[in-house]
Amino acid sequence: QVQLVESGGGEVQPGGSLRLSCAASGSIFTIYNMGWYRQAPGKQRELVAGITSRGSTNYADSVKGRFTIVRDNAKNTGYLQMNDLKPEDTAVYYCYTQHPLISTPGYWGQGTQVTVSS
């Protein structure tokens, strides 16, 4: 069983920055892929960014160049640095972990609200 605890959400003005954290319990974190999805009101959940156990990353086109995902396996924690935030980034952000041989996330964080508003 893996538990994910998220932190770092909040409200910022357009152009601002936030950093989300996702702390995982259990030693298996180091072999799992992880990342974040987000869900805005009335919209489907979408993948924002992912990172493999070896550090390979992928991003949604809408956040490329603005968001950066990294992981610290020694701390069992992943981070999503979000810069130049836009109102359309407003959503609940959910971190996840995923076994590298399984195509869907296996564990989810509780979600954290990110609001970008002037």
Protein backbone atom coordinates (compact mmCIF):
# COMPACT_ATOMS: atom_id res chain seq x y z
CA GLN A 1 0.00 0.00 0.00
CA VAL A 2 1.29 3.44 -0.97
CA GLN A 3 0.02 6.65 0.55
CA LEU A 4 0.57 9.97 -1.20
CA VAL A 5 0.31 13.27 0.64
CA GLU A 6 0.18 16.44 -1.39
CA SER A 7 0.98 19.99 -0.39
CA GLY A 8 1.72 23.36 -1.95
CA GLY A 9 -1.49 24.45 -3.60
CA GLY A 10 -3.01 27.88 -3.17
CA GLU A 11 -4.12 31.02 -4.94
CA VAL A 12 -1.85 33.18 -7.04
CA GLN A 13 -2.16 35.94 -9.57
CA PRO A 14 -1.52 35.30 -13.26
CA GLY A 15 2.21 35.08 -13.90
CA GLY A 16 2.87 33.77 -10.42
CA SER A 17 4.46 30.52 -9.30
CA LEU A 18 3.65 27.60 -7.04
CA ARG A 19 5.43 24.38 -6.18
CA LEU A 20 3.48 21.24 -5.45
CA SER A 21 4.94 18.39 -3.42
CA CYS A 22 3.89 14.76 -3.29
CA ALA A 23 5.35 12.68 -0.47
CA ALA A 24 5.00 8.92 -0.72
CA SER A 25 5.17 6.24 1.92
CA GLY A 26 6.93 2.99 1.17
CA SER A 27 10.20 2.07 -0.48
CA ILE A 28 8.58 1.08 -3.77
CA PHE A 29 8.30 4.75 -4.72
CA THR A 30 11.79 4.60 -6.18
CA ILE A 31 10.76 2.12 -8.90
CA TYR A 32 7.41 3.72 -9.70
CA ASN A 33 6.64 6.38 -12.23
CA MET A 34 4.84 9.38 -10.77
CA GLY A 35 3.30 12.66 -11.78
CA TRP A 36 0.28 14.90 -11.66
CA TYR A 37 -3.12 15.06 -13.24
CA ARG A 38 -5.48 17.98 -12.86
CA GLN A 39 -9.23 18.43 -13.08
CA ALA A 40 -11.00 21.71 -13.61
CA PRO A 41 -14.73 22.14 -12.91
CA GLY A 42 -16.79 20.54 -15.64
CA LYS A 43 -13.77 19.05 -17.38
CA GLN A 44 -12.15 15.66 -17.54
CA ARG A 45 -9.05 14.86 -15.57
CA GLU A 46 -5.97 15.46 -17.70
CA LEU A 47 -2.33 14.49 -17.40
CA VAL A 48 -0.13 17.46 -16.58
CA ALA A 49 3.33 15.94 -16.17
CA GLY A 50 4.96 12.62 -15.46
CA ILE A 51 8.40 11.36 -14.54
CA THR A 52 9.78 7.84 -14.65
CA SER A 53 11.92 6.24 -11.97
CA ARG A 54 14.96 7.10 -14.09
CA GLY A 55 13.98 10.73 -14.51
CA SER A 56 12.49 10.81 -18.00
CA THR A 57 9.74 13.40 -18.17
CA ASN A 58 6.68 14.19 -20.24
CA TYR A 59 4.37 17.21 -20.17
CA ALA A 60 1.04 18.30 -21.53
CA ASP A 61 1.52 20.73 -24.40
CA SER A 62 -0.31 23.41 -22.44
CA VAL A 63 2.33 23.46 -19.67
CA LYS A 64 5.55 22.84 -21.60
CA GLY A 65 8.13 25.48 -20.83
CA ARG A 66 6.25 26.62 -17.71
CA PHE A 67 6.07 23.54 -15.47
CA THR A 68 8.93 21.32 -14.34
CA ILE A 69 8.61 17.96 -12.63
CA VAL A 70 11.42 16.47 -10.57
CA ARG A 71 11.73 13.73 -7.99
CA ASP A 72 13.94 13.09 -4.99
CA ASN A 73 13.96 9.34 -4.47
CA ALA A 74 15.95 9.69 -1.24
CA LYS A 75 13.01 11.63 0.18
CA ASN A 76 10.29 9.62 -1.60
CA THR A 77 8.97 12.93 -2.88
CA GLY A 78 8.08 14.44 -6.20
CA TYR A 79 7.74 18.11 -7.01
CA LEU A 80 5.93 20.10 -9.65
CA GLN A 81 7.28 23.61 -10.12
CA MET A 82 4.69 25.75 -11.85
CA ASN A 83 5.77 29.10 -13.27
CA ASP A 84 3.95 31.75 -15.30
CA LEU A 85 0.63 30.43 -14.10
CA LYS A 86 -2.46 31.26 -16.11
CA PRO A 87 -6.15 31.31 -15.17
CA GLU A 88 -6.66 28.17 -17.27
CA ASP A 89 -4.29 26.33 -14.91
CA THR A 90 -6.93 26.60 -12.20
CA ALA A 91 -7.86 23.08 -11.14
CA VAL A 92 -7.49 20.45 -8.46
CA TYR A 93 -4.12 18.78 -8.93
CA TYR A 94 -3.72 15.12 -8.07
CA CYS A 95 -0.40 13.35 -7.81
CA TYR A 96 -0.20 9.68 -8.67
CA THR A 97 2.21 6.80 -8.76
CA GLN A 98 2.21 4.12 -11.41
CA HIS A 99 3.95 0.78 -11.69
CA PRO A 100 6.20 0.94 -14.76
CA LEU A 101 4.55 -2.16 -16.29
CA ILE A 102 0.98 -0.97 -15.78
CA SER A 103 -0.60 1.64 -18.00
CA THR A 104 -2.78 3.35 -15.42
CA PRO A 105 -2.03 5.04 -12.08
CA GLY A 106 -2.28 2.81 -9.06
CA TYR A 107 -2.30 5.32 -6.22
CA TRP A 108 -3.55 8.88 -5.88
CA GLY A 109 -2.96 11.80 -3.60
CA GLN A 110 -5.82 13.65 -1.93
CA GLY A 111 -5.69 16.53 -4.39
CA THR A 112 -4.72 20.14 -3.87
CA GLN A 113 -6.48 23.22 -5.23
CA VAL A 114 -4.58 25.62 -7.46
CA THR A 115 -6.38 28.87 -8.26
CA VAL A 116 -4.96 31.48 -10.62
CA SER A 117 -6.93 34.69 -10.46
CA SER A 118 -6.41 38.40 -10.50
